[in-house]
Amino acid sequence: MAKPYPILPSSILDELHGLNCSLGAYQVMLEATIRHFCTQGTPLDYESFLHGLDDLFQPILEGYKSIESQATAFREMGVVGVCTLDEADQEKP
């Protein structure tokens, strides 16, 4: 049985590109920081560092939550589509 998905305006989906890029940059920065900590040790003011990470991540998280809440609103308004796939297009286990 097909699952209904909300139909969203492209303006909402356009936000995904920036969020995905920001999340990728955050991941690269975090990986580099962990490598640095493994070789150089942790900074003395570790708590400030953790708060800084949180400050960098919160806008990304809020962006994804915003898209999710808009999708929920569209679903609740009944603006949904149903997608079905032919047998040939479905993944085989």
PDB file of N, CA and C in Angstrom:
ATOM      1  N   MET A   1       0.839  -1.176   0.000  1.00  0.00           N
ATOM      2  CA  MET A   1       0.000   0.000   0.000  1.00  0.00           C
ATOM      3  C   MET A   1       0.886   1.241   0.000  1.00  0.00           C
ATOM      4  N   ALA A   2       0.513   2.202  -0.765  1.00  0.00           N
ATOM      5  CA  ALA A   2       1.296   3.426  -0.894  1.00  0.00           C
ATOM      6  C   ALA A   2       1.107   4.303   0.335  1.00  0.00           C
ATOM      7  N   LYS A   3       2.148   5.011   0.683  1.00  0.00           N
ATOM      8  CA  LYS A   3       2.115   5.896   1.841  1.00  0.00           C
ATOM      9  C   LYS A   3       1.912   7.333   1.366  1.00  0.00           C
ATOM     10  N   PRO A   4       0.981   8.079   1.987  1.00  0.00           N
ATOM     11  CA  PRO A   4       0.773   9.475   1.577  1.00  0.00           C
ATOM     12  C   PRO A   4       1.880  10.377   2.115  1.00  0.00           C
ATOM     13  N   TYR A   5       2.393  11.235   1.289  1.00  0.00           N
ATOM     14  CA  TYR A   5       3.416  12.201   1.674  1.00  0.00           C
ATOM     15  C   TYR A   5       2.905  13.603   1.401  1.00  0.00           C
ATOM     16  N   PRO A   6       3.279  14.574   2.239  1.00  0.00           N
ATOM     17  CA  PRO A   6       2.824  15.941   1.990  1.00  0.00           C
ATOM     18  C   PRO A   6       3.430  16.499   0.712  1.00  0.00           C
ATOM     19  N   ILE A   7       2.643  17.278   0.021  1.00  0.00           N
ATOM     20  CA  ILE A   7       3.129  17.987  -1.158  1.00  0.00           C
ATOM     21  C   ILE A   7       3.548  19.372  -0.683  1.00  0.00           C
ATOM     22  N   LEU A   8       4.827  19.679  -0.795  1.00  0.00           N
ATOM     23  CA  LEU A   8       5.359  20.933  -0.267  1.00  0.00           C
ATOM     24  C   LEU A   8       5.758  21.874  -1.392  1.00  0.00           C
ATOM     25  N   PRO A   9       5.554  23.162  -1.185  1.00  0.00           N
ATOM     26  CA  PRO A   9       6.047  24.138  -2.163  1.00  0.00           C
ATOM     27  C   PRO A   9       7.573  24.060  -2.256  1.00  0.00           C
ATOM     28  N   SER A  10       8.091  24.333  -3.429  1.00  0.00           N
ATOM     29  CA  SER A  10       9.544  24.255  -3.614  1.00  0.00           C
ATOM     30  C   SER A  10      10.287  25.249  -2.726  1.00  0.00           C
ATOM     31  N   SER A  11       9.635  26.342  -2.327  1.00  0.00           N
ATOM     32  CA  SER A  11      10.307  27.314  -1.457  1.00  0.00           C
ATOM     33  C   SER A  11      10.680  26.684  -0.118  1.00  0.00           C
ATOM     34  N   ILE A  12       9.864  25.752   0.362  1.00  0.00           N
ATOM     35  CA  ILE A  12      10.191  25.057   1.608  1.00  0.00           C
ATOM     36  C   ILE A  12      11.338  24.093   1.376  1.00  0.00           C
ATOM     37  N   LEU A  13      11.280  23.363   0.278  1.00  0.00           N
ATOM     38  CA  LEU A  13      12.320  22.380  -0.011  1.00  0.00           C
ATOM     39  C   LEU A  13      13.655  23.032  -0.363  1.00  0.00           C
ATOM     40  N   ASP A  14      13.624  24.268  -0.872  1.00  0.00           N
ATOM     41  CA  ASP A  14      14.865  24.979  -1.190  1.00  0.00           C
ATOM     42  C   ASP A  14      15.725  25.180   0.045  1.00  0.00           C
ATOM     43  N   GLU A  15      15.096  25.239   1.223  1.00  0.00           N
ATOM     44  CA  GLU A  15      15.844  25.404   2.464  1.00  0.00           C
ATOM     45  C   GLU A  15      16.746  24.210   2.741  1.00  0.00           C
ATOM     46  N   LEU A  16      16.389  23.051   2.209  1.00  0.00           N
ATOM     47  CA  LEU A  16      17.168  21.837   2.474  1.00  0.00           C
ATOM     48  C   LEU A  16      18.605  21.940   1.980  1.00  0.00           C
ATOM     49  N   HIS A  17      18.818  22.567   0.836  1.00  0.00           N
ATOM     50  CA  HIS A  17      20.171  22.652   0.289  1.00  0.00           C
ATOM     51  C   HIS A  17      21.100  23.379   1.253  1.00  0.00           C
ATOM     52  N   GLY A  18      20.696  24.535   1.715  1.00  0.00           N
ATOM     53  CA  GLY A  18      21.522  25.284   2.657  1.00  0.00           C
ATOM     54  C   GLY A  18      21.738  24.542   3.965  1.00  0.00           C
ATOM     55  N   LEU A  19      20.681  23.899   4.459  1.00  0.00           N
ATOM     56  CA  LEU A  19      20.809  23.141   5.699  1.00  0.00           C
ATOM     57  C   LEU A  19      21.748  21.951   5.529  1.00  0.00           C
ATOM     58  N   ASN A  20      21.615  21.238   4.413  1.00  0.00           N
ATOM     59  CA  ASN A  20      22.494  20.093   4.169  1.00  0.00           C
ATOM     60  C   ASN A  20      23.950  20.528   4.030  1.00  0.00           C
ATOM     61  N   CYS A  21      24.189  21.659   3.373  1.00  0.00           N
ATOM     62  CA  CYS A  21      25.556  22.186   3.252  1.00  0.00           C
ATOM     63  C   CYS A  21      26.103  22.582   4.623  1.00  0.00           C
ATOM     64  N   SER A  22      25.280  23.226   5.426  1.00  0.00           N
ATOM     65  CA  SER A  22      25.702  23.621   6.771  1.00  0.00           C
ATOM     66  C   SER A  22      26.002  22.399   7.629  1.00  0.00           C
ATOM     67  N   LEU A  23      25.166  21.385   7.518  1.00  0.00           N
ATOM     68  CA  LEU A  23      25.386  20.168   8.284  1.00  0.00           C
ATOM     69  C   LEU A  23      26.669  19.473   7.840  1.00  0.00           C
ATOM     70  N   GLY A  24      26.949  19.464   6.550  1.00  0.00           N
ATOM     71  CA  GLY A  24      28.199  18.887   6.048  1.00  0.00           C
ATOM     72  C   GLY A  24      29.410  19.641   6.562  1.00  0.00           C
ATOM     73  N   ALA A  25      29.337  20.968   6.563  1.00  0.00           N
ATOM     74  CA  ALA A  25      30.446  21.780   7.082  1.00  0.00           C
ATOM     75  C   ALA A  25      30.635  21.537   8.571  1.00  0.00           C
ATOM     76  N   TYR A  26      29.543  21.418   9.306  1.00  0.00           N
ATOM     77  CA  TYR A  26      29.607  21.148  10.743  1.00  0.00           C
ATOM     78  C   TYR A  26      30.291  19.805  10.990  1.00  0.00           C
ATOM     79  N   GLN A  27      29.947  18.794  10.182  1.00  0.00           N
ATOM     80  CA  GLN A  27      30.550  17.473  10.331  1.00  0.00           C
ATOM     81  C   GLN A  27      32.059  17.528  10.073  1.00  0.00           C
ATOM     82  N   VAL A  28      32.469  18.214   9.017  1.00  0.00           N
ATOM     83  CA  VAL A  28      33.901  18.324   8.699  1.00  0.00           C
ATOM     84  C   VAL A  28      34.631  19.030   9.830  1.00  0.00           C
ATOM     85  N   MET A  29      34.050  20.125  10.346  1.00  0.00           N
ATOM     86  CA  MET A  29      34.666  20.862  11.441  1.00  0.00           C
ATOM     87  C   MET A  29      34.784  19.997  12.691  1.00  0.00           C
ATOM     88  N   LEU A  30      33.752  19.240  12.981  1.00  0.00           N
ATOM     89  CA  LEU A  30      33.772  18.392  14.167  1.00  0.00           C
ATOM     90  C   LEU A  30      34.794  17.267  14.036  1.00  0.00           C
ATOM     91  N   GLU A  31      34.885  16.667  12.861  1.00  0.00           N
ATOM     92  CA  GLU A  31      35.884  15.616  12.639  1.00  0.00           C
ATOM     93  C   GLU A  31      37.305  16.162  12.786  1.00  0.00           C
ATOM     94  N   ALA A  32      37.547  17.345  12.234  1.00  0.00           N
ATOM     95  CA  ALA A  32      38.875  17.958  12.349  1.00  0.00           C
ATOM     96  C   ALA A  32      39.189  18.290  13.802  1.00  0.00           C
ATOM     97  N   THR A  33      38.199  18.736  14.535  1.00  0.00           N
ATOM     98  CA  THR A  33      38.400  19.062  15.943  1.00  0.00           C
ATOM     99  C   THR A  33      38.721  17.817  16.749  1.00  0.00           C
ATOM    100  N   ILE A  34      38.012  16.741  16.484  1.00  0.00           N
ATOM    101  CA  ILE A  34      38.279  15.490  17.202  1.00  0.00           C
ATOM    102  C   ILE A  34      39.684  14.997  16.891  1.00  0.00           C
ATOM    103  N   ARG A  35      40.097  15.079  15.614  1.00  0.00           N
ATOM    104  CA  ARG A  35      41.473  14.694  15.263  1.00  0.00           C
ATOM    105  C   ARG A  35      42.483  15.554  16.013  1.00  0.00           C
ATOM    106  N   HIS A  36      42.216  16.845  16.079  1.00  0.00           N
ATOM    107  CA  HIS A  36      43.110  17.765  16.789  1.00  0.00           C
ATOM    108  C   HIS A  36      43.182  17.404  18.273  1.00  0.00           C
ATOM    109  N   PHE A  37      42.050  17.101  18.878  1.00  0.00           N
ATOM    110  CA  PHE A  37      42.033  16.730  20.290  1.00  0.00           C
ATOM    111  C   PHE A  37      42.819  15.446  20.530  1.00  0.00           C
ATOM    112  N   CYS A  38      42.737  14.510  19.592  1.00  0.00           N
ATOM    113  CA  CYS A  38      43.464  13.242  19.743  1.00  0.00           C
ATOM    114  C   CYS A  38      44.970  13.443  19.682  1.00  0.00           C
ATOM    115  N   THR A  39      45.420  14.416  18.919  1.00  0.00           N
ATOM    116  CA  THR A  39      46.867  14.635  18.772  1.00  0.00           C
ATOM    117  C   THR A  39      47.405  15.727  19.682  1.00  0.00           C
ATOM    118  N   GLN A  40      46.627  16.768  19.943  1.00  0.00           N
ATOM    119  CA  GLN A  40      47.108  17.917  20.710  1.00  0.00           C
ATOM    120  C   GLN A  40      46.505  18.027  22.107  1.00  0.00           C
ATOM    121  N   GLY A  41      45.479  17.246  22.389  1.00  0.00           N
ATOM    122  CA  GLY A  41      44.791  17.344  23.673  1.00  0.00           C
ATOM    123  C   GLY A  41      43.624  18.311  23.587  1.00  0.00           C
ATOM    124  N   THR A  42      42.835  18.329  24.644  1.00  0.00           N
ATOM    125  CA  THR A  42      41.656  19.184  24.672  1.00  0.00           C
ATOM    126  C   THR A  42      42.008  20.570  25.197  1.00  0.00           C
ATOM    127  N   PRO A  43      41.226  21.582  24.823  1.00  0.00           N
ATOM    128  CA  PRO A  43      41.494  22.925  25.319  1.00  0.00           C
ATOM    129  C   PRO A  43      41.165  23.029  26.813  1.00  0.00           C
ATOM    130  N   LEU A  44      41.758  24.001  27.460  1.00  0.00           N
ATOM    131  CA  LEU A  44      41.509  24.191  28.886  1.00  0.00           C
ATOM    132  C   LEU A  44      40.057  24.585  29.148  1.00  0.00           C
ATOM    133  N   ASP A  45      39.494  25.391  28.284  1.00  0.00           N
ATOM    134  CA  ASP A  45      38.118  25.859  28.457  1.00  0.00           C
ATOM    135  C   ASP A  45      37.176  24.997  27.618  1.00  0.00           C
ATOM    136  N   TYR A  46      37.092  23.742  27.993  1.00  0.00           N
ATOM    137  CA  TYR A  46      36.318  22.769  27.237  1.00  0.00           C
ATOM    138  C   TYR A  46      34.826  23.080  27.238  1.00  0.00           C
ATOM    139  N   GLU A  47      34.306  23.614  28.347  1.00  0.00           N
ATOM    140  CA  GLU A  47      32.885  23.951  28.438  1.00  0.00           C
ATOM    141  C   GLU A  47      32.499  25.016  27.404  1.00  0.00           C
ATOM    142  N   SER A  48      33.346  26.017  27.228  1.00  0.00           N
ATOM    143  CA  SER A  48      33.062  27.054  26.228  1.00  0.00           C
ATOM    144  C   SER A  48      33.051  26.461  24.825  1.00  0.00           C
ATOM    145  N   PHE A  49      33.955  25.523  24.587  1.00  0.00           N
ATOM    146  CA  PHE A  49      33.995  24.851  23.295  1.00  0.00           C
ATOM    147  C   PHE A  49      32.678  24.116  23.038  1.00  0.00           C
ATOM    148  N   LEU A  50      32.180  23.388  24.051  1.00  0.00           N
ATOM    149  CA  LEU A  50      30.933  22.654  23.894  1.00  0.00           C
ATOM    150  C   LEU A  50      29.760  23.601  23.672  1.00  0.00           C
ATOM    151  N   HIS A  51      29.748  24.730  24.362  1.00  0.00           N
ATOM    152  CA  HIS A  51      28.683  25.717  24.151  1.00  0.00           C
ATOM    153  C   HIS A  51      28.768  26.291  22.732  1.00  0.00           C
ATOM    154  N   GLY A  52      29.988  26.489  22.239  1.00  0.00           N
ATOM    155  CA  GLY A  52      30.162  26.979  20.875  1.00  0.00           C
ATOM    156  C   GLY A  52      29.638  25.992  19.850  1.00  0.00           C
ATOM    157  N   LEU A  53      29.889  24.697  20.067  1.00  0.00           N
ATOM    158  CA  LEU A  53      29.353  23.674  19.171  1.00  0.00           C
ATOM    159  C   LEU A  53      27.830  23.721  19.161  1.00  0.00           C
ATOM    160  N   ASP A  54      27.257  23.869  20.334  1.00  0.00           N
ATOM    161  CA  ASP A  54      25.802  23.950  20.437  1.00  0.00           C
ATOM    162  C   ASP A  54      25.276  25.183  19.700  1.00  0.00           C
ATOM    163  N   ASP A  55      25.965  26.314  19.847  1.00  0.00           N
ATOM    164  CA  ASP A  55      25.547  27.542  19.159  1.00  0.00           C
ATOM    165  C   ASP A  55      25.614  27.393  17.645  1.00  0.00           C
ATOM    166  N   LEU A  56      26.593  26.624  17.153  1.00  0.00           N
ATOM    167  CA  LEU A  56      26.706  26.400  15.711  1.00  0.00           C
ATOM    168  C   LEU A  56      25.628  25.446  15.207  1.00  0.00           C
ATOM    169  N   PHE A  57      25.268  24.461  16.019  1.00  0.00           N
ATOM    170  CA  PHE A  57      24.345  23.429  15.563  1.00  0.00           C
ATOM    171  C   PHE A  57      22.882  23.842  15.674  1.00  0.00           C
ATOM    172  N   GLN A  58      22.539  24.677  16.643  1.00  0.00           N
ATOM    173  CA  GLN A  58      21.137  25.029  16.878  1.00  0.00           C
ATOM    174  C   GLN A  58      20.427  25.601  15.647  1.00  0.00           C
ATOM    175  N   PRO A  59      21.035  26.533  14.890  1.00  0.00           N
ATOM    176  CA  PRO A  59      20.328  27.037  13.701  1.00  0.00           C
ATOM    177  C   PRO A  59      20.054  25.946  12.660  1.00  0.00           C
ATOM    178  N   ILE A  60      20.956  24.994  12.543  1.00  0.00           N
ATOM    179  CA  ILE A  60      20.753  23.883  11.607  1.00  0.00           C
ATOM    180  C   ILE A  60      19.572  23.047  12.069  1.00  0.00           C
ATOM    181  N   LEU A  61      19.574  22.685  13.340  1.00  0.00           N
ATOM    182  CA  LEU A  61      18.491  21.883  13.900  1.00  0.00           C
ATOM    183  C   LEU A  61      17.154  22.605  13.786  1.00  0.00           C
ATOM    184  N   GLU A  62      17.133  23.893  14.078  1.00  0.00           N
ATOM    185  CA  GLU A  62      15.896  24.671  13.982  1.00  0.00           C
ATOM    186  C   GLU A  62      15.388  24.734  12.546  1.00  0.00           C
ATOM    187  N   GLY A  63      16.305  24.784  11.583  1.00  0.00           N
ATOM    188  CA  GLY A  63      15.905  24.782  10.173  1.00  0.00           C
ATOM    189  C   GLY A  63      15.214  23.492   9.782  1.00  0.00           C
ATOM    190  N   TYR A  64      15.787  22.353  10.197  1.00  0.00           N
ATOM    191  CA  TYR A  64      15.150  21.069   9.902  1.00  0.00           C
ATOM    192  C   TYR A  64      13.805  20.951  10.616  1.00  0.00           C
ATOM    193  N   LYS A  65      13.736  21.416  11.860  1.00  0.00           N
ATOM    194  CA  LYS A  65      12.465  21.376  12.606  1.00  0.00           C
ATOM    195  C   LYS A  65      11.409  22.247  11.928  1.00  0.00           C
ATOM    196  N   SER A  66      11.819  23.373  11.372  1.00  0.00           N
ATOM    197  CA  SER A  66      10.892  24.251  10.670  1.00  0.00           C
ATOM    198  C   SER A  66      10.295  23.551   9.448  1.00  0.00           C
ATOM    199  N   ILE A  67      11.143  22.880   8.690  1.00  0.00           N
ATOM    200  CA  ILE A  67      10.662  22.142   7.517  1.00  0.00           C
ATOM    201  C   ILE A  67       9.709  21.031   7.953  1.00  0.00           C
ATOM    202  N   GLU A  68      10.056  20.346   9.035  1.00  0.00           N
ATOM    203  CA  GLU A  68       9.202  19.264   9.532  1.00  0.00           C
ATOM    204  C   GLU A  68       7.846  19.799   9.970  1.00  0.00           C
ATOM    205  N   SER A  69       7.831  20.945  10.648  1.00  0.00           N
ATOM    206  CA  SER A  69       6.553  21.495  11.114  1.00  0.00           C
ATOM    207  C   SER A  69       5.699  21.972   9.932  1.00  0.00           C
ATOM    208  N   GLN A  70       6.345  22.511   8.899  1.00  0.00           N
ATOM    209  CA  GLN A  70       5.599  22.917   7.710  1.00  0.00           C
ATOM    210  C   GLN A  70       5.030  21.699   6.984  1.00  0.00           C
ATOM    211  N   ALA A  71       5.814  20.626   6.923  1.00  0.00           N
ATOM    212  CA  ALA A  71       5.323  19.396   6.290  1.00  0.00           C
ATOM    213  C   ALA A  71       4.145  18.830   7.081  1.00  0.00           C
ATOM    214  N   THR A  72       4.229  18.878   8.392  1.00  0.00           N
ATOM    215  CA  THR A  72       3.127  18.405   9.234  1.00  0.00           C
ATOM    216  C   THR A  72       1.876  19.250   8.998  1.00  0.00           C
ATOM    217  N   ALA A  73       2.042  20.564   8.902  1.00  0.00           N
ATOM    218  CA  ALA A  73       0.900  21.448   8.655  1.00  0.00           C
ATOM    219  C   ALA A  73       0.239  21.122   7.319  1.00  0.00           C
ATOM    220  N   PHE A  74       1.039  20.892   6.288  1.00  0.00           N
ATOM    221  CA  PHE A  74       0.478  20.545   4.979  1.00  0.00           C
ATOM    222  C   PHE A  74      -0.237  19.203   5.044  1.00  0.00           C
ATOM    223  N   ARG A  75       0.342  18.240   5.779  1.00  0.00           N
ATOM    224  CA  ARG A  75      -0.298  16.934   5.910  1.00  0.00           C
ATOM    225  C   ARG A  75      -1.643  17.083   6.626  1.00  0.00           C
ATOM    226  N   GLU A  76      -1.669  17.886   7.697  1.00  0.00           N
ATOM    227  CA  GLU A  76      -2.913  18.084   8.450  1.00  0.00           C
ATOM    228  C   GLU A  76      -3.966  18.819   7.628  1.00  0.00           C
ATOM    229  N   MET A  77      -3.551  19.670   6.695  1.00  0.00           N
ATOM    230  CA  MET A  77      -4.498  20.353   5.820  1.00  0.00           C
ATOM    231  C   MET A  77      -5.008  19.435   4.715  1.00  0.00           C
ATOM    232  N   GLY A  78      -4.411  18.259   4.615  1.00  0.00           N
ATOM    233  CA  GLY A  78      -4.851  17.317   3.596  1.00  0.00           C
ATOM    234  C   GLY A  78      -4.151  17.479   2.268  1.00  0.00           C
ATOM    235  N   VAL A  79      -3.106  18.278   2.238  1.00  0.00           N
ATOM    236  CA  VAL A  79      -2.350  18.471   0.999  1.00  0.00           C
ATOM    237  C   VAL A  79      -1.301  17.353   0.935  1.00  0.00           C
ATOM    238  N   VAL A  80      -1.750  16.199   0.475  1.00  0.00           N
ATOM    239  CA  VAL A  80      -0.867  15.037   0.396  1.00  0.00           C
ATOM    240  C   VAL A  80      -0.953  14.415  -0.985  1.00  0.00           C
ATOM    241  N   GLY A  81       0.067  13.687  -1.316  1.00  0.00           N
ATOM    242  CA  GLY A  81       0.086  12.939  -2.562  1.00  0.00           C
ATOM    243  C   GLY A  81       0.381  11.490  -2.245  1.00  0.00           C
ATOM    244  N   VAL A  82      -0.002  10.622  -3.135  1.00  0.00           N
ATOM    245  CA  VAL A  82       0.272   9.210  -2.944  1.00  0.00           C
ATOM    246  C   VAL A  82       1.143   8.755  -4.101  1.00  0.00           C
ATOM    247  N   CYS A  83       2.236   8.131  -3.755  1.00  0.00           N
ATOM    248  CA  CYS A  83       3.180   7.661  -4.765  1.00  0.00           C
ATOM    249  C   CYS A  83       3.156   6.145  -4.783  1.00  0.00           C
ATOM    250  N   THR A  84       3.022   5.588  -5.952  1.00  0.00           N
ATOM    251  CA  THR A  84       3.108   4.135  -6.088  1.00  0.00           C
ATOM    252  C   THR A  84       4.185   3.824  -7.118  1.00  0.00           C
ATOM    253  N   LEU A  85       4.834   2.711  -6.924  1.00  0.00           N
ATOM    254  CA  LEU A  85       5.890   2.289  -7.831  1.00  0.00           C
ATOM    255  C   LEU A  85       5.474   1.005  -8.539  1.00  0.00           C
ATOM    256  N   ASP A  86       5.840   0.899  -9.803  1.00  0.00           N
ATOM    257  CA  ASP A  86       5.642  -0.345 -10.516  1.00  0.00           C
ATOM    258  C   ASP A  86       6.534  -1.415  -9.900  1.00  0.00           C
ATOM    259  N   GLU A  87       6.165  -2.647 -10.105  1.00  0.00           N
ATOM    260  CA  GLU A  87       6.968  -3.760  -9.599  1.00  0.00           C
ATOM    261  C   GLU A  87       8.411  -3.656 -10.086  1.00  0.00           C
ATOM    262  N   ALA A  88       8.600  -3.228 -11.319  1.00  0.00           N
ATOM    263  CA  ALA A  88       9.946  -3.142 -11.901  1.00  0.00           C
ATOM    264  C   ALA A  88      10.794  -2.076 -11.226  1.00  0.00           C
ATOM    265  N   ASP A  89      10.151  -1.051 -10.654  1.00  0.00           N
ATOM    266  CA  ASP A  89      10.880   0.042 -10.025  1.00  0.00           C
ATOM    267  C   ASP A  89      11.181  -0.187  -8.550  1.00  0.00           C
ATOM    268  N   GLN A  90      10.599  -1.211  -7.952  1.00  0.00           N
ATOM    269  CA  GLN A  90      10.808  -1.467  -6.535  1.00  0.00           C
ATOM    270  C   GLN A  90      12.084  -2.251  -6.308  1.00  0.00           C
ATOM    271  N   GLU A  91      12.705  -1.974  -5.154  1.00  0.00           N
ATOM    272  CA  GLU A  91      13.935  -2.710  -4.801  1.00  0.00           C
ATOM    273  C   GLU A  91      13.577  -4.153  -4.449  1.00  0.00           C
ATOM    274  N   LYS A  92      14.428  -5.028  -4.867  1.00  0.00           N
ATOM    275  CA  LYS A  92      14.240  -6.445  -4.545  1.00  0.00           C
ATOM    276  C   LYS A  92      15.089  -6.772  -3.318  1.00  0.00           C
ATOM    277  N   PRO A  93      14.513  -7.542  -2.354  1.00  0.00           N
ATOM    278  CA  PRO A  93      15.272  -7.904  -1.149  1.00  0.00           C
ATOM    279  C   PRO A  93      16.403  -8.860  -1.453  1.00  0.00           C
TER     280      PRO A  93
END
